[in-house]
Amino acid sequence: MPDYPRPTLAEVTAAVPAPLAHLICTRLTWDELAATVAGQPPSTREAIATGWGQLKFAQAMWARDRAQRPAPPPLPEPPAEWLTVKEAADRAGVDVSTARRWAKDEHVEARRVRGTHRINPRSLAEYIEARGGRG
């Protein structure tokens, strides 16, 4: 056994990524955690309280840094002639789910705009042609 003193549990710290600290602190309250460990020895409860304080500090620093960071610029809108998934499916003679899958699997050039795909009509025509005219 080494001759240096063994640290108490309250002195032991662990590195937790700040986004994980944020997730933990938003999903769990101190009251819930304290109730869970109420029957533990005082040194364990003290260590958990110390760890909780470290998590809350990491969460606060991460939130502050995120708030100070400028938002990324929005992606440019696709040209107006780009097709909705429904329009692309109608042109190709396929079901909407097939056209959506082509966009997600990058068989056709597409961009996500407000939760839906917009498909480049030229890319759609090329893909249909490459498939031998079959949608």
N, C-alpha and C. Protein backbone atom coordinates (compact mmCIF):
# COMPACT_ATOMS: atom_id res chain seq x y z
N MET A 1 0.84 -1.17 0.00
CA MET A 1 0.00 0.00 0.00
C MET A 1 0.89 1.24 0.00
N PRO A 2 0.60 2.21 -0.86
CA PRO A 2 1.41 3.43 -0.88
C PRO A 2 1.30 4.18 0.45
N ASP A 3 2.32 5.00 0.73
CA ASP A 3 2.33 5.70 2.01
C ASP A 3 1.67 7.08 1.95
N TYR A 4 1.11 7.47 0.81
CA TYR A 4 0.42 8.76 0.76
C TYR A 4 -1.01 8.59 1.24
N PRO A 5 -1.62 9.66 1.77
CA PRO A 5 -2.97 9.54 2.33
C PRO A 5 -4.00 9.29 1.22
N ARG A 6 -4.95 8.46 1.55
CA ARG A 6 -6.04 8.18 0.62
C ARG A 6 -7.04 9.32 0.70
N PRO A 7 -7.43 9.91 -0.46
CA PRO A 7 -8.39 11.03 -0.41
C PRO A 7 -9.76 10.53 0.01
N THR A 8 -10.49 11.41 0.65
CA THR A 8 -11.87 11.06 0.99
C THR A 8 -12.69 11.10 -0.30
N LEU A 9 -13.85 10.50 -0.25
CA LEU A 9 -14.71 10.48 -1.43
C LEU A 9 -15.08 11.89 -1.86
N ALA A 10 -15.21 12.80 -0.90
CA ALA A 10 -15.58 14.17 -1.23
C ALA A 10 -14.47 14.89 -1.98
N GLU A 11 -13.24 14.40 -1.87
CA GLU A 11 -12.11 15.04 -2.54
C GLU A 11 -11.88 14.51 -3.96
N VAL A 12 -12.55 13.45 -4.30
CA VAL A 12 -12.39 12.85 -5.62
C VAL A 12 -13.32 13.56 -6.59
N THR A 13 -12.79 13.98 -7.73
CA THR A 13 -13.62 14.63 -8.74
C THR A 13 -13.51 13.85 -10.03
N ALA A 14 -14.50 14.02 -10.86
CA ALA A 14 -14.49 13.39 -12.18
C ALA A 14 -14.78 14.44 -13.22
N ALA A 15 -14.15 14.30 -14.35
CA ALA A 15 -14.42 15.23 -15.45
C ALA A 15 -15.66 14.76 -16.20
N VAL A 16 -16.62 15.63 -16.32
CA VAL A 16 -17.85 15.34 -17.05
C VAL A 16 -17.98 16.40 -18.14
N PRO A 17 -18.15 15.98 -19.39
CA PRO A 17 -18.33 16.98 -20.45
C PRO A 17 -19.52 17.89 -20.12
N ALA A 18 -19.35 19.17 -20.37
CA ALA A 18 -20.38 20.15 -20.01
C ALA A 18 -21.74 19.84 -20.62
N PRO A 19 -21.82 19.42 -21.90
CA PRO A 19 -23.16 19.09 -22.41
C PRO A 19 -23.82 17.94 -21.64
N LEU A 20 -23.01 16.99 -21.17
CA LEU A 20 -23.57 15.91 -20.36
C LEU A 20 -24.01 16.44 -18.99
N ALA A 21 -23.23 17.33 -18.40
CA ALA A 21 -23.63 17.95 -17.14
C ALA A 21 -24.96 18.67 -17.31
N HIS A 22 -25.12 19.38 -18.42
CA HIS A 22 -26.38 20.09 -18.70
C HIS A 22 -27.53 19.09 -18.78
N LEU A 23 -27.32 18.00 -19.48
CA LEU A 23 -28.37 16.99 -19.62
C LEU A 23 -28.75 16.41 -18.26
N ILE A 24 -27.76 16.07 -17.46
CA ILE A 24 -28.03 15.50 -16.13
C ILE A 24 -28.79 16.51 -15.27
N CYS A 25 -28.34 17.74 -15.25
CA CYS A 25 -28.94 18.76 -14.38
C CYS A 25 -30.34 19.18 -14.83
N THR A 26 -30.66 19.00 -16.09
CA THR A 26 -32.01 19.35 -16.54
C THR A 26 -32.98 18.18 -16.39
N ARG A 27 -32.46 16.97 -16.26
CA ARG A 27 -33.32 15.80 -16.13
C ARG A 27 -33.52 15.36 -14.67
N LEU A 28 -32.67 15.87 -13.79
CA LEU A 28 -32.68 15.43 -12.40
C LEU A 28 -32.57 16.65 -11.50
N THR A 29 -33.34 16.67 -10.44
CA THR A 29 -33.23 17.78 -9.49
C THR A 29 -32.40 17.35 -8.29
N TRP A 30 -31.88 18.34 -7.58
CA TRP A 30 -31.11 18.02 -6.38
C TRP A 30 -31.99 17.28 -5.37
N ASP A 31 -33.24 17.67 -5.23
CA ASP A 31 -34.14 17.01 -4.27
C ASP A 31 -34.31 15.54 -4.61
N GLU A 32 -34.45 15.21 -5.89
CA GLU A 32 -34.57 13.80 -6.30
C GLU A 32 -33.30 13.04 -5.96
N LEU A 33 -32.17 13.64 -6.26
CA LEU A 33 -30.89 12.99 -6.00
C LEU A 33 -30.67 12.81 -4.50
N ALA A 34 -30.95 13.86 -3.72
CA ALA A 34 -30.77 13.79 -2.26
C ALA A 34 -31.65 12.71 -1.65
N ALA A 35 -32.88 12.57 -2.14
CA ALA A 35 -33.78 11.54 -1.62
C ALA A 35 -33.25 10.15 -1.95
N THR A 36 -32.62 10.01 -3.10
CA THR A 36 -32.09 8.71 -3.52
C THR A 36 -30.93 8.27 -2.63
N VAL A 37 -30.12 9.21 -2.17
CA VAL A 37 -28.92 8.87 -1.40
C VAL A 37 -29.08 9.15 0.10
N ALA A 38 -30.29 9.40 0.54
CA ALA A 38 -30.52 9.78 1.95
C ALA A 38 -29.99 8.73 2.93
N GLY A 39 -30.03 7.47 2.58
CA GLY A 39 -29.58 6.42 3.49
C GLY A 39 -28.09 6.13 3.44
N GLN A 40 -27.36 6.84 2.62
CA GLN A 40 -25.92 6.61 2.48
C GLN A 40 -25.15 7.27 3.62
N PRO A 41 -23.91 6.82 3.85
CA PRO A 41 -23.10 7.45 4.89
C PRO A 41 -22.88 8.94 4.61
N PRO A 42 -22.63 9.73 5.65
CA PRO A 42 -22.43 11.17 5.46
C PRO A 42 -21.34 11.51 4.45
N SER A 43 -20.24 10.75 4.45
CA SER A 43 -19.15 11.05 3.51
C SER A 43 -19.61 10.87 2.07
N THR A 44 -20.46 9.89 1.83
CA THR A 44 -20.98 9.66 0.48
C THR A 44 -21.92 10.79 0.08
N ARG A 45 -22.80 11.19 1.00
CA ARG A 45 -23.71 12.29 0.70
C ARG A 45 -22.94 13.58 0.43
N GLU A 46 -21.87 13.79 1.20
CA GLU A 46 -21.03 14.98 1.00
C GLU A 46 -20.36 14.94 -0.37
N ALA A 47 -19.88 13.78 -0.75
CA ALA A 47 -19.23 13.64 -2.06
C ALA A 47 -20.22 13.89 -3.18
N ILE A 48 -21.43 13.37 -3.02
CA ILE A 48 -22.45 13.57 -4.05
C ILE A 48 -22.85 15.04 -4.13
N ALA A 49 -22.96 15.71 -2.99
CA ALA A 49 -23.28 17.14 -2.99
C ALA A 49 -22.19 17.94 -3.69
N THR A 50 -20.93 17.57 -3.43
CA THR A 50 -19.82 18.24 -4.09
C THR A 50 -19.88 18.02 -5.60
N GLY A 51 -20.11 16.77 -5.99
CA GLY A 51 -20.22 16.45 -7.42
C GLY A 51 -21.37 17.18 -8.08
N TRP A 52 -22.49 17.29 -7.37
CA TRP A 52 -23.64 18.02 -7.92
C TRP A 52 -23.29 19.48 -8.15
N GLY A 53 -22.56 20.06 -7.20
CA GLY A 53 -22.13 21.45 -7.37
C GLY A 53 -21.23 21.62 -8.58
N GLN A 54 -20.35 20.65 -8.81
CA GLN A 54 -19.47 20.71 -9.98
C GLN A 54 -20.27 20.58 -11.27
N LEU A 55 -21.26 19.69 -11.26
CA LEU A 55 -22.12 19.55 -12.44
C LEU A 55 -22.87 20.85 -12.73
N LYS A 56 -23.43 21.46 -11.69
CA LYS A 56 -24.18 22.70 -11.89
C LYS A 56 -23.27 23.82 -12.40
N PHE A 57 -22.03 23.86 -11.90
CA PHE A 57 -21.08 24.87 -12.37
C PHE A 57 -20.75 24.64 -13.84
N ALA A 58 -20.47 23.38 -14.21
CA ALA A 58 -20.16 23.06 -15.61
C ALA A 58 -21.35 23.40 -16.50
N GLN A 59 -22.55 23.10 -16.03
CA GLN A 59 -23.75 23.41 -16.80
C GLN A 59 -23.88 24.92 -17.00
N ALA A 60 -23.65 25.69 -15.96
CA ALA A 60 -23.78 27.15 -16.05
C ALA A 60 -22.74 27.74 -17.01
N MET A 61 -21.51 27.25 -16.94
CA MET A 61 -20.46 27.75 -17.83
C MET A 61 -20.77 27.41 -19.28
N TRP A 62 -21.26 26.19 -19.51
CA TRP A 62 -21.59 25.76 -20.87
C TRP A 62 -22.74 26.60 -21.42
N ALA A 63 -23.77 26.83 -20.60
CA ALA A 63 -24.92 27.63 -21.04
C ALA A 63 -24.49 29.06 -21.35
N ARG A 64 -23.60 29.63 -20.52
CA ARG A 64 -23.12 30.98 -20.77
C ARG A 64 -22.35 31.05 -22.09
N ASP A 65 -21.47 30.06 -22.32
CA ASP A 65 -20.70 30.05 -23.56
C ASP A 65 -21.61 29.91 -24.78
N ARG A 66 -22.62 29.06 -24.67
CA ARG A 66 -23.55 28.89 -25.80
C ARG A 66 -24.32 30.17 -26.07
N ALA A 67 -24.71 30.87 -25.02
CA ALA A 67 -25.48 32.11 -25.19
C ALA A 67 -24.64 33.20 -25.84
N GLN A 68 -23.34 33.18 -25.60
CA GLN A 68 -22.46 34.21 -26.15
C GLN A 68 -22.02 33.90 -27.57
N ARG A 69 -22.15 32.65 -27.98
CA ARG A 69 -21.72 32.25 -29.31
C ARG A 69 -22.77 32.70 -30.33
N PRO A 70 -22.34 33.34 -31.41
CA PRO A 70 -23.33 33.76 -32.41
C PRO A 70 -23.96 32.55 -33.11
N ALA A 71 -25.21 32.71 -33.46
CA ALA A 71 -25.91 31.63 -34.16
C ALA A 71 -25.31 31.48 -35.56
N PRO A 72 -25.25 30.24 -36.06
CA PRO A 72 -24.72 30.06 -37.41
C PRO A 72 -25.65 30.72 -38.43
N PRO A 73 -25.09 31.19 -39.53
CA PRO A 73 -25.95 31.83 -40.53
C PRO A 73 -26.91 30.80 -41.12
N PRO A 74 -28.10 31.22 -41.46
CA PRO A 74 -29.05 30.26 -42.04
C PRO A 74 -28.58 29.81 -43.41
N LEU A 75 -28.92 28.58 -43.74
CA LEU A 75 -28.58 28.08 -45.07
C LEU A 75 -29.40 28.84 -46.11
N PRO A 76 -28.83 29.07 -47.27
CA PRO A 76 -29.59 29.77 -48.30
C PRO A 76 -30.77 28.92 -48.76
N GLU A 77 -31.83 29.59 -49.11
CA GLU A 77 -33.01 28.90 -49.63
C GLU A 77 -32.66 28.28 -50.97
N PRO A 78 -33.19 27.10 -51.27
CA PRO A 78 -32.96 26.56 -52.61
C PRO A 78 -33.72 27.40 -53.63
N PRO A 79 -33.29 27.37 -54.87
CA PRO A 79 -34.01 28.14 -55.89
C PRO A 79 -35.49 27.77 -55.93
N ALA A 80 -36.31 28.72 -56.33
CA ALA A 80 -37.76 28.53 -56.34
C ALA A 80 -38.20 27.37 -57.21
N GLU A 81 -37.41 27.05 -58.24
CA GLU A 81 -37.83 25.97 -59.14
C GLU A 81 -37.60 24.58 -58.55
N TRP A 82 -36.92 24.48 -57.42
CA TRP A 82 -36.73 23.17 -56.81
C TRP A 82 -38.09 22.64 -56.37
N LEU A 83 -38.23 21.34 -56.41
CA LEU A 83 -39.52 20.69 -56.20
C LEU A 83 -39.73 20.24 -54.76
N THR A 84 -40.98 20.25 -54.36
CA THR A 84 -41.32 19.60 -53.09
C THR A 84 -41.21 18.10 -53.31
N VAL A 85 -41.20 17.34 -52.25
CA VAL A 85 -41.13 15.89 -52.37
C VAL A 85 -42.34 15.37 -53.14
N LYS A 86 -43.50 15.94 -52.89
CA LYS A 86 -44.73 15.52 -53.60
C LYS A 86 -44.61 15.80 -55.09
N GLU A 87 -44.12 16.99 -55.44
CA GLU A 87 -43.96 17.33 -56.86
C GLU A 87 -42.94 16.40 -57.52
N ALA A 88 -41.85 16.10 -56.83
CA ALA A 88 -40.84 15.20 -57.38
C ALA A 88 -41.41 13.80 -57.57
N ALA A 89 -42.19 13.33 -56.60
CA ALA A 89 -42.80 12.01 -56.71
C ALA A 89 -43.76 11.96 -57.89
N ASP A 90 -44.55 13.01 -58.08
CA ASP A 90 -45.49 13.06 -59.22
C ASP A 90 -44.74 13.02 -60.54
N ARG A 91 -43.64 13.80 -60.64
CA ARG A 91 -42.86 13.80 -61.89
C ARG A 91 -42.24 12.44 -62.17
N ALA A 92 -41.78 11.78 -61.11
CA ALA A 92 -41.10 10.50 -61.29
C ALA A 92 -42.07 9.33 -61.36
N GLY A 93 -43.32 9.56 -61.01
CA GLY A 93 -44.31 8.49 -61.03
C GLY A 93 -44.08 7.47 -59.91
N VAL A 94 -43.62 7.97 -58.76
CA VAL A 94 -43.36 7.09 -57.62
C VAL A 94 -44.12 7.62 -56.41
N ASP A 95 -44.13 6.82 -55.37
CA ASP A 95 -44.76 7.23 -54.12
C ASP A 95 -43.92 8.32 -53.44
N VAL A 96 -44.57 9.14 -52.64
CA VAL A 96 -43.88 10.22 -51.93
C VAL A 96 -42.76 9.66 -51.05
N SER A 97 -43.00 8.51 -50.42
CA SER A 97 -41.97 7.93 -49.54
C SER A 97 -40.72 7.55 -50.33
N THR A 98 -40.89 7.14 -51.58
CA THR A 98 -39.73 6.81 -52.43
C THR A 98 -38.93 8.06 -52.75
N ALA A 99 -39.61 9.14 -53.13
CA ALA A 99 -38.92 10.40 -53.43
C ALA A 99 -38.20 10.93 -52.19
N ARG A 100 -38.83 10.80 -51.04
CA ARG A 100 -38.20 11.24 -49.79
C ARG A 100 -36.95 10.41 -49.50
N ARG A 101 -37.03 9.11 -49.73
CA ARG A 101 -35.88 8.23 -49.51
C ARG A 101 -34.74 8.58 -50.46
N TRP A 102 -35.05 8.89 -51.73
CA TRP A 102 -34.02 9.30 -52.68
C TRP A 102 -33.29 10.53 -52.16
N ALA A 103 -34.04 11.47 -51.61
CA ALA A 103 -33.43 12.69 -51.07
C ALA A 103 -32.56 12.37 -49.85
N LYS A 104 -33.10 11.57 -48.92
CA LYS A 104 -32.34 11.22 -47.72
C LYS A 104 -31.10 10.41 -48.04
N ASP A 105 -31.19 9.52 -49.03
CA ASP A 105 -30.06 8.67 -49.40
C ASP A 105 -29.12 9.35 -50.39
N GLU A 106 -29.40 10.61 -50.71
CA GLU A 106 -28.57 11.44 -51.59
C GLU A 106 -28.47 10.90 -53.01
N HIS A 107 -29.52 10.23 -53.48
CA HIS A 107 -29.58 9.83 -54.89
C HIS A 107 -29.89 11.04 -55.76
N VAL A 108 -30.60 11.99 -55.18
CA VAL A 108 -30.91 13.25 -55.86
C VAL A 108 -30.43 14.39 -54.97
N GLU A 109 -30.08 15.52 -55.60
CA GLU A 109 -29.65 16.68 -54.83
C GLU A 109 -30.87 17.29 -54.14
N ALA A 110 -30.76 17.44 -52.84
CA ALA A 110 -31.89 17.97 -52.07
C ALA A 110 -31.37 18.77 -50.89
N ARG A 111 -32.21 19.66 -50.40
CA ARG A 111 -31.92 20.45 -49.19
C ARG A 111 -33.11 20.38 -48.27
N ARG A 112 -32.82 20.39 -46.98
CA ARG A 112 -33.89 20.46 -46.00
C ARG A 112 -34.25 21.92 -45.79
N VAL A 113 -35.51 22.23 -45.94
CA VAL A 113 -36.01 23.58 -45.73
C VAL A 113 -37.23 23.49 -44.83
N ARG A 114 -37.12 24.10 -43.65
CA ARG A 114 -38.22 24.12 -42.69
C ARG A 114 -38.86 22.73 -42.52
N GLY A 115 -38.01 21.73 -42.33
CA GLY A 115 -38.50 20.40 -42.02
C GLY A 115 -38.89 19.53 -43.20
N THR A 116 -38.73 20.00 -44.41
CA THR A 116 -39.07 19.18 -45.57
C THR A 116 -37.96 19.28 -46.61
N HIS A 117 -37.90 18.31 -47.49
CA HIS A 117 -36.88 18.33 -48.54
C HIS A 117 -37.38 19.12 -49.75
N ARG A 118 -36.45 19.82 -50.39
CA ARG A 118 -36.69 20.43 -51.71
C ARG A 118 -35.69 19.75 -52.63
N ILE A 119 -36.15 19.30 -53.79
CA ILE A 119 -35.35 18.48 -54.69
C ILE A 119 -35.05 19.24 -55.97
N ASN A 120 -33.79 19.18 -56.38
CA ASN A 120 -33.33 19.81 -57.61
C ASN A 120 -33.95 19.05 -58.79
N PRO A 121 -34.74 19.71 -59.64
CA PRO A 121 -35.41 19.00 -60.74
C PRO A 121 -34.42 18.40 -61.74
N ARG A 122 -33.29 19.07 -61.97
CA ARG A 122 -32.28 18.54 -62.89
C ARG A 122 -31.69 17.24 -62.34
N SER A 123 -31.39 17.24 -61.06
CA SER A 123 -30.86 16.05 -60.40
C SER A 123 -31.87 14.90 -60.46
N LEU A 124 -33.14 15.22 -60.27
CA LEU A 124 -34.20 14.20 -60.34
C LEU A 124 -34.26 13.60 -61.74
N ALA A 125 -34.23 14.45 -62.77
CA ALA A 125 -34.28 13.96 -64.16
C ALA A 125 -33.08 13.06 -64.46
N GLU A 126 -31.89 13.47 -64.00
CA GLU A 126 -30.68 12.66 -64.22
C GLU A 126 -30.78 11.31 -63.52
N TYR A 127 -31.31 11.30 -62.32
CA TYR A 127 -31.44 10.05 -61.57
C TYR A 127 -32.43 9.11 -62.25
N ILE A 128 -33.55 9.66 -62.70
CA ILE A 128 -34.55 8.83 -63.39
C ILE A 128 -33.95 8.27 -64.68
N GLU A 129 -33.21 9.11 -65.42
CA GLU A 129 -32.58 8.67 -66.66
C GLU A 129 -31.56 7.56 -66.37
N ALA A 130 -30.78 7.71 -65.32
CA ALA A 130 -29.78 6.70 -64.95
C ALA A 130 -30.45 5.37 -64.58
N ARG A 131 -31.67 5.43 -64.13
CA ARG A 131 -32.41 4.22 -63.77
C ARG A 131 -33.13 3.64 -64.98
N GLY A 132 -32.80 4.14 -66.15
CA GLY A 132 -33.43 3.62 -67.37
C GLY A 132 -34.82 4.15 -67.59
N GLY A 133 -35.09 5.37 -67.12
CA GLY A 133 -36.40 5.98 -67.32
C GLY A 133 -37.43 5.53 -66.31
N ARG A 134 -37.04 4.63 -65.41
CA ARG A 134 -37.99 4.16 -64.39
C ARG A 134 -37.86 5.06 -63.16
N GLY A 135 -38.98 5.43 -62.61
CA GLY A 135 -38.97 6.22 -61.39
C GLY A 135 -38.64 5.37 -60.21
